[in-house]
Amino acid sequence: MTGFWESAPKWLVDLKDDFVLNFLDEGRWKWLLEGLGHTLLITLVALLIGLAIGVVIAAVRSTYDKNRESMELHKSVGYYVLKFFNGVCHVYLTIIRGTPVVVQLLIMYFIVFASSRNSLMVAMIAFGINSGAYVAEILRGGIMSIDNGQFEAGRSLGFNYVQTMIYIIIPQVFKNVLPTLCNEFIVLLKETSVAGYVGIVDLTKAGDLIRGRTFSAFMPLIAVALIYLVMVIILTALVGMLERRLRKNER
């Protein structure tokens, strides 16, 4: 093997030396592994938080939109309560979707949770709140696309509005929007690359730390890009398989 490197082209030897310097010396590859773990953990927990927020907001906004005309005729206490919460949800969606995620992350870390130094938890909450706005609109669009006859079918079975939503509407909505939600997971995975702004050693930050130690930018940053690319390719392939499975079940 030594003889091979002695006769190898200079550019190949330089590439090997660069690889050893960036990943093997001092076990720097472990930084990438640790960063990958933090990236996946933040993404998963943020997705669950976003899903919980999205379901609640989508239910409030779609309920208001579907029943606004009939409720305006009576204008009961329930109408004003629902109108208030719909307004709160609208403000939340406007603010979250109208500001950059990195600014939201910094506000959560340096202002809202200024007394906490658990940056991992703060990042999960910040990305979860951000994801919730997009999940909410995905689910709301799915609910609004369901024919009103489905709601009437629920009432004919003796269900109230909430029971109709839980047992009839929501299962259909999730089936229809599941591929879109999976794509939101892919987007969220890439958005977490700014977690390093609050001191988290995520995948991107790990690559930047290696670059700072070795003063070599090409190898660590290209490695980070390739890892993200491989993850996105795998997730995109899984989403494609899911979409084909759902189409096959509809036949």
Protein backbone atom coordinates (compact mmCIF):
# COMPACT_ATOMS: atom_id res chain seq x y z
CA MET A 1 0.00 0.00 0.00
CA THR A 2 2.90 2.31 0.75
CA GLY A 3 4.25 1.72 -2.74
CA PHE A 4 0.91 2.72 -4.23
CA TRP A 5 0.93 6.12 -2.52
CA GLU A 6 4.58 6.68 -3.53
CA SER A 7 3.65 6.30 -7.20
CA ALA A 8 0.21 7.94 -6.93
CA PRO A 9 -0.48 11.35 -8.53
CA LYS A 10 0.15 14.35 -6.32
CA TRP A 11 -3.50 15.44 -6.33
CA LEU A 12 -4.56 12.02 -5.03
CA VAL A 13 -1.93 12.10 -2.28
CA ASP A 14 -3.05 15.60 -1.31
CA LEU A 15 -6.67 14.41 -1.20
CA LYS A 16 -5.71 11.51 1.05
CA ASP A 17 -3.73 13.77 3.35
CA ASP A 18 -6.65 16.21 3.49
CA PHE A 19 -9.02 13.35 4.38
CA VAL A 20 -6.74 12.13 7.17
CA LEU A 21 -6.27 15.66 8.51
CA ASN A 22 -9.98 16.48 8.59
CA PHE A 23 -11.53 13.21 9.71
CA LEU A 24 -9.01 10.73 11.13
CA ASP A 25 -6.66 12.97 13.12
CA GLU A 26 -7.98 13.38 16.69
CA GLY A 27 -11.04 11.36 15.70
CA ARG A 28 -12.72 14.39 14.16
CA TRP A 29 -15.18 12.16 12.28
CA LYS A 30 -16.88 11.64 15.64
CA TRP A 31 -17.88 15.33 15.61
CA LEU A 32 -19.84 14.71 12.44
CA LEU A 33 -21.48 11.66 13.99
CA GLU A 34 -22.44 13.61 17.11
CA GLY A 35 -23.72 16.49 14.99
CA LEU A 36 -25.78 14.12 12.87
CA GLY A 37 -27.38 12.71 16.01
CA HIS A 38 -28.29 16.20 17.26
CA THR A 39 -29.69 17.15 13.84
CA LEU A 40 -31.93 14.08 13.66
CA LEU A 41 -33.07 14.49 17.29
CA ILE A 42 -33.99 18.16 16.82
CA THR A 43 -35.81 17.36 13.58
CA LEU A 44 -37.82 14.49 15.04
CA VAL A 45 -38.89 16.28 18.23
CA ALA A 46 -39.63 19.51 16.34
CA LEU A 47 -41.79 17.56 13.90
CA LEU A 48 -43.83 16.06 16.75
CA ILE A 49 -44.26 19.49 18.36
CA GLY A 50 -45.19 20.99 15.01
CA LEU A 51 -47.69 18.22 14.34
CA ALA A 52 -49.40 18.78 17.71
CA ILE A 53 -49.58 22.55 17.16
CA GLY A 54 -50.68 22.10 13.57
CA VAL A 55 -53.57 19.77 14.41
CA VAL A 56 -54.98 22.21 17.00
CA ILE A 57 -54.64 25.30 14.79
CA ALA A 58 -55.97 23.54 11.70
CA ALA A 59 -59.00 22.32 13.69
CA VAL A 60 -59.73 25.82 15.01
CA ARG A 61 -59.33 27.60 11.68
CA SER A 62 -61.19 25.03 9.58
CA THR A 63 -64.05 24.88 12.13
CA TYR A 64 -64.37 28.66 11.98
CA ASP A 65 -64.22 28.74 8.17
CA LYS A 66 -66.77 25.96 7.70
CA ASN A 67 -69.27 27.22 10.29
CA ARG A 68 -68.78 30.99 10.11
CA GLU A 69 -71.85 31.74 7.99
CA SER A 70 -74.24 29.69 10.11
CA MET A 71 -72.72 30.92 13.39
CA GLU A 72 -72.92 34.58 12.31
CA LEU A 73 -76.70 34.27 12.17
CA HIS A 74 -76.94 33.40 15.87
CA LYS A 75 -73.73 34.98 17.22
CA SER A 76 -73.70 32.95 20.39
CA VAL A 77 -70.91 32.96 22.99
CA GLY A 78 -69.30 30.03 21.16
CA TYR A 79 -69.08 32.12 18.00
CA TYR A 80 -67.11 34.90 19.70
CA VAL A 81 -64.86 32.40 21.49
CA LEU A 82 -64.11 30.61 18.22
CA LYS A 83 -63.59 33.93 16.44
CA PHE A 84 -61.10 35.02 19.11
CA PHE A 85 -59.05 31.83 18.88
CA ASN A 86 -59.17 31.96 15.08
CA GLY A 87 -57.74 35.47 15.28
CA VAL A 88 -54.97 34.29 17.62
CA CYS A 89 -54.13 31.46 15.20
CA HIS A 90 -54.08 33.90 12.28
CA VAL A 91 -51.63 36.19 14.10
CA TYR A 92 -49.41 33.19 14.96
CA LEU A 93 -49.35 32.02 11.35
CA THR A 94 -48.60 35.51 10.05
CA ILE A 95 -45.69 36.07 12.44
CA ILE A 96 -44.12 32.62 12.09
CA ARG A 97 -44.41 32.41 8.32
CA GLY A 98 -43.35 36.03 7.89
CA THR A 99 -40.06 35.91 9.81
CA PRO A 100 -36.88 33.87 9.18
CA VAL A 101 -36.46 30.71 11.24
CA VAL A 102 -32.97 31.75 12.37
CA VAL A 103 -34.39 34.98 13.85
CA GLN A 104 -37.07 32.97 15.66
CA LEU A 105 -34.38 30.66 17.02
CA LEU A 106 -32.31 33.58 18.33
CA ILE A 107 -35.36 35.20 19.93
CA MET A 108 -36.25 31.94 21.68
CA TYR A 109 -32.69 31.45 22.93
CA PHE A 110 -31.66 34.98 23.92
CA ILE A 111 -35.05 36.43 24.94
CA VAL A 112 -37.80 33.91 25.69
CA PHE A 113 -35.53 31.30 27.29
CA ALA A 114 -32.71 33.66 28.27
CA SER A 115 -32.39 32.02 31.70
CA SER A 116 -31.96 28.54 30.20
CA ARG A 117 -28.78 27.24 28.66
CA ASN A 118 -30.31 24.02 27.39
CA SER A 119 -29.81 25.02 23.78
CA LEU A 120 -30.95 21.64 22.47
CA MET A 121 -34.36 22.00 24.14
CA VAL A 122 -34.70 25.60 22.94
CA ALA A 123 -33.92 24.57 19.37
CA MET A 124 -36.51 21.77 19.49
CA ILE A 125 -39.18 24.20 20.68
CA ALA A 126 -38.20 26.93 18.21
CA PHE A 127 -38.18 24.63 15.20
CA GLY A 128 -41.36 22.92 16.45
CA ILE A 129 -43.21 26.25 16.67
CA ASN A 130 -41.94 27.18 13.22
CA SER A 131 -42.96 23.83 11.74
CA GLY A 132 -46.38 24.03 13.41
CA ALA A 133 -47.36 27.01 11.25
CA TYR A 134 -46.70 25.11 8.02
CA VAL A 135 -48.21 21.86 9.26
CA ALA A 136 -51.34 23.78 10.30
CA GLU A 137 -51.86 25.15 6.81
CA ILE A 138 -51.23 21.74 5.26
CA LEU A 139 -53.83 20.14 7.52
CA ARG A 140 -56.29 23.01 7.14
CA GLY A 141 -56.09 22.67 3.37
CA GLY A 142 -56.74 18.94 3.75
CA ILE A 143 -59.76 19.49 6.00
CA MET A 144 -61.24 22.14 3.70
CA SER A 145 -60.88 19.77 0.74
CA ILE A 146 -63.13 17.16 2.39
CA ASP A 147 -66.63 17.28 0.98
CA ASN A 148 -69.31 18.66 3.31
CA GLY A 149 -71.24 15.47 2.72
CA GLN A 150 -68.74 13.72 5.01
CA PHE A 151 -69.75 16.05 7.85
CA GLU A 152 -73.43 15.42 7.14
CA ALA A 153 -72.74 11.67 7.15
CA GLY A 154 -71.23 12.02 10.60
CA ARG A 155 -74.27 13.87 11.89
CA SER A 156 -76.56 11.21 10.43
CA LEU A 157 -74.64 8.64 12.48
CA GLY A 158 -75.31 10.64 15.64
CA PHE A 159 -71.84 12.18 15.93
CA ASN A 160 -71.37 15.76 17.04
CA TYR A 161 -68.93 18.02 15.21
CA VAL A 162 -65.90 17.02 17.32
CA GLN A 163 -66.65 13.29 16.99
CA THR A 164 -67.13 13.70 13.23
CA MET A 165 -63.73 15.39 12.99
CA ILE A 166 -61.98 12.71 15.05
CA TYR A 167 -63.55 9.58 13.58
CA ILE A 168 -64.36 10.56 9.98
CA ILE A 169 -62.56 13.70 8.79
CA ILE A 170 -59.08 13.54 10.39
CA PRO A 171 -58.29 9.97 9.18
CA GLN A 172 -59.11 11.00 5.60
CA VAL A 173 -57.13 14.22 5.93
CA PHE A 174 -53.98 12.48 7.15
CA LYS A 175 -54.17 10.01 4.29
CA ASN A 176 -54.45 12.86 1.79
CA VAL A 177 -51.73 15.09 3.23
CA LEU A 178 -49.28 12.47 4.49
CA PRO A 179 -46.89 12.85 1.53
CA THR A 180 -46.92 16.64 2.00
CA LEU A 181 -46.21 16.24 5.71
CA CYS A 182 -43.29 13.99 4.86
CA ASN A 183 -41.94 16.69 2.56
CA GLU A 184 -42.27 19.15 5.45
CA PHE A 185 -40.08 16.76 7.45
CA ILE A 186 -37.44 16.98 4.72
CA VAL A 187 -37.60 20.79 4.71
CA LEU A 188 -37.37 20.85 8.51
CA LEU A 189 -34.31 18.59 8.40
CA LYS A 190 -32.46 21.12 6.26
CA GLU A 191 -33.68 24.12 8.27
CA THR A 192 -32.06 22.75 11.43
CA SER A 193 -28.68 23.55 9.85
CA VAL A 194 -28.88 26.97 11.55
CA ALA A 195 -28.99 25.42 15.05
CA GLY A 196 -25.29 26.22 15.43
CA TYR A 197 -26.24 29.87 15.99
CA VAL A 198 -27.18 28.97 19.58
CA GLY A 199 -24.12 26.80 20.26
CA ILE A 200 -25.50 23.41 19.26
CA VAL A 201 -23.03 21.09 17.57
CA ASP A 202 -25.35 19.94 14.81
CA LEU A 203 -24.11 18.48 11.54
CA THR A 204 -23.36 21.85 9.93
CA LYS A 205 -21.66 23.20 13.05
CA ALA A 206 -19.54 20.04 13.31
CA GLY A 207 -18.25 20.59 9.79
CA ASP A 208 -17.49 24.22 10.62
CA LEU A 209 -15.61 23.19 13.79
CA ILE A 210 -13.45 20.84 11.76
CA ARG A 211 -12.79 23.62 9.26
CA GLY A 212 -11.77 25.93 12.11
CA ARG A 213 -9.29 23.39 13.46
CA THR A 214 -7.73 22.28 10.18
CA PHE A 215 -8.10 25.53 8.16
CA SER A 216 -9.31 23.30 5.35
CA ALA A 217 -12.80 24.17 4.11
CA PHE A 218 -13.29 21.84 1.16
CA MET A 219 -13.32 18.40 2.77
CA PRO A 220 -15.48 19.01 5.90
CA LEU A 221 -18.07 21.20 4.17
CA ILE A 222 -18.40 18.88 1.19
CA ALA A 223 -18.81 15.97 3.64
CA VAL A 224 -21.63 17.82 5.44
CA ALA A 225 -23.32 18.60 2.13
CA LEU A 226 -23.06 14.97 1.01
CA ILE A 227 -24.53 13.69 4.30
CA TYR A 228 -27.51 16.04 3.96
CA LEU A 229 -27.88 15.05 0.31
CA VAL A 230 -27.89 11.33 1.11
CA MET A 231 -30.49 11.81 3.87
CA VAL A 232 -32.74 13.87 1.60
CA ILE A 233 -32.42 11.34 -1.24
CA ILE A 234 -33.39 8.50 1.11
CA LEU A 235 -36.32 10.41 2.58
CA THR A 236 -37.50 11.52 -0.87
CA ALA A 237 -37.41 7.90 -2.06
CA LEU A 238 -39.45 6.84 1.00
CA VAL A 239 -42.00 9.58 0.31
CA GLY A 240 -42.26 8.40 -3.30
CA MET A 241 -42.87 4.82 -2.13
CA LEU A 242 -45.53 6.10 0.29
CA GLU A 243 -47.30 8.05 -2.45
CA ARG A 244 -47.36 5.02 -4.76
CA ARG A 245 -48.69 2.88 -1.90
CA LEU A 246 -51.49 5.35 -1.20
CA ARG A 247 -52.42 5.58 -4.89
CA LYS A 248 -52.52 1.79 -5.13
CA ASN A 249 -54.82 1.57 -2.09
CA GLU A 250 -57.24 4.04 -3.69
CA ARG A 251 -57.86 1.77 -6.67
